[in-house]
Protein backbone atom coordinates (compact mmCIF):
# COMPACT_ATOMS: atom_id res chain seq x y z
CA MET A 1 104.99 72.77 109.99
CA THR A 2 104.62 70.15 107.51
CA PRO A 3 103.49 70.37 104.27
CA SER A 4 100.73 67.81 104.66
CA ASP A 5 99.59 70.61 107.70
CA SER A 6 99.88 73.73 106.30
CA ILE A 7 99.10 76.00 102.88
CA THR A 8 100.95 78.57 101.81
CA ILE A 9 99.98 82.29 101.11
CA VAL A 10 101.34 85.44 99.59
CA ILE A 11 100.99 88.65 101.50
CA LYS A 12 101.48 91.57 99.95
CA LEU A 13 102.21 95.01 101.91
CA PHE A 14 101.26 98.06 101.81
CA ALA A 15 102.38 102.00 103.80
CA ALA A 16 103.27 100.98 107.34
CA TYR A 17 103.20 97.04 106.97
CA GLN A 18 105.81 97.63 103.67
CA GLU A 19 107.75 99.75 106.41
CA ALA A 20 107.50 97.62 109.30
CA TYR A 21 108.60 94.16 106.91
CA GLN A 22 111.19 96.24 104.99
CA THR A 23 109.63 94.21 102.04
CA ASP A 24 106.48 94.28 99.65
CA GLU A 25 105.79 91.33 99.83
CA LEU A 26 105.76 88.08 102.36
CA ILE A 27 105.70 83.96 101.51
CA TRP A 28 104.34 82.30 104.74
CA GLN A 29 102.92 78.83 106.16
CA VAL A 30 99.77 79.01 107.91
CA ALA A 31 97.69 76.27 108.95
CA PRO A 32 94.55 74.85 107.45
CA ASN A 33 91.31 76.93 108.20
CA SER A 34 93.35 79.84 109.09
CA THR A 35 91.28 83.39 108.19
CA VAL A 36 92.95 86.65 106.90
CA ALA A 37 92.25 87.77 110.72
CA THR A 38 95.13 85.23 111.59
CA VAL A 39 97.37 87.17 109.25
CA LEU A 40 96.96 90.31 110.95
CA ASP A 41 97.32 88.98 114.04
CA ARG A 42 100.59 87.31 113.18
CA CYS A 43 101.98 90.58 111.70
CA MET A 44 100.47 92.43 115.10
CA ALA A 45 102.84 90.03 116.91
CA ASP A 46 105.56 90.46 114.59
CA HIS A 47 105.28 93.91 114.71
CA PRO A 48 103.48 95.31 117.50
CA ASN A 49 104.24 99.00 116.28
CA LEU A 50 101.51 98.30 113.45
CA ALA A 51 98.85 97.65 116.79
CA PRO A 52 97.28 101.38 115.89
CA TRP A 53 96.32 99.85 112.41
CA ARG A 54 94.26 97.02 113.23
CA ASP A 55 91.35 98.00 112.89
CA ARG A 56 91.72 100.18 110.32
CA THR A 57 93.02 98.15 107.81
CA ARG A 58 91.07 96.16 105.16
CA PHE A 59 91.73 92.88 103.58
CA GLY A 60 91.96 91.42 100.15
CA ILE A 61 92.22 88.13 98.58
CA ASN A 62 93.16 87.29 94.74
CA LEU A 63 91.70 91.09 94.50
CA GLU A 64 88.65 91.08 96.06
CA PHE A 65 87.70 92.69 99.24
CA VAL A 66 87.34 90.24 102.25
CA GLU A 67 86.05 90.30 105.89
CA PRO A 68 88.85 89.17 108.47
CA ASP A 69 86.73 86.04 109.29
CA THR A 70 87.67 85.03 105.21
CA LEU A 71 89.22 81.77 105.55
CA LEU A 72 92.17 80.96 103.39
CA HIS A 73 93.39 78.57 100.86
CA ASP A 74 96.86 77.36 99.34
CA GLY A 75 97.76 79.68 97.09
CA ASP A 76 95.68 82.56 97.95
CA GLU A 77 97.21 86.41 97.90
CA VAL A 78 96.70 87.98 100.37
CA VAL A 79 96.38 91.59 100.90
CA LEU A 80 96.87 94.46 104.18
CA ILE A 81 95.72 97.53 103.13
CA PRO A 82 95.78 100.75 106.03
CA PRO A 83 94.75 103.90 105.04
CA VAL A 84 96.73 105.97 103.24
CA SER A 85 96.80 109.27 102.49
CA GLY A 86 98.02 111.61 99.88
CA GLY A 87 97.38 114.44 98.07
């Protein structure tokens, strides 16, 4: 993708996503009009072992919870939040 046909987003990773990527942050170029679901799809393609989390992950953009069909904009910070347990 060239700069004119892509946007840059930052993805913050937690729990299973962080373990899969071995980092807590990714910077990706995605096509304009991409949605949060597009990010999730790419994560599943990169790491099929994350499939159990697909339907249980919540999403945030710029510190607000959003639905999977929310459009991304250049510079957005996307958060993937799988369910976590603790004690």
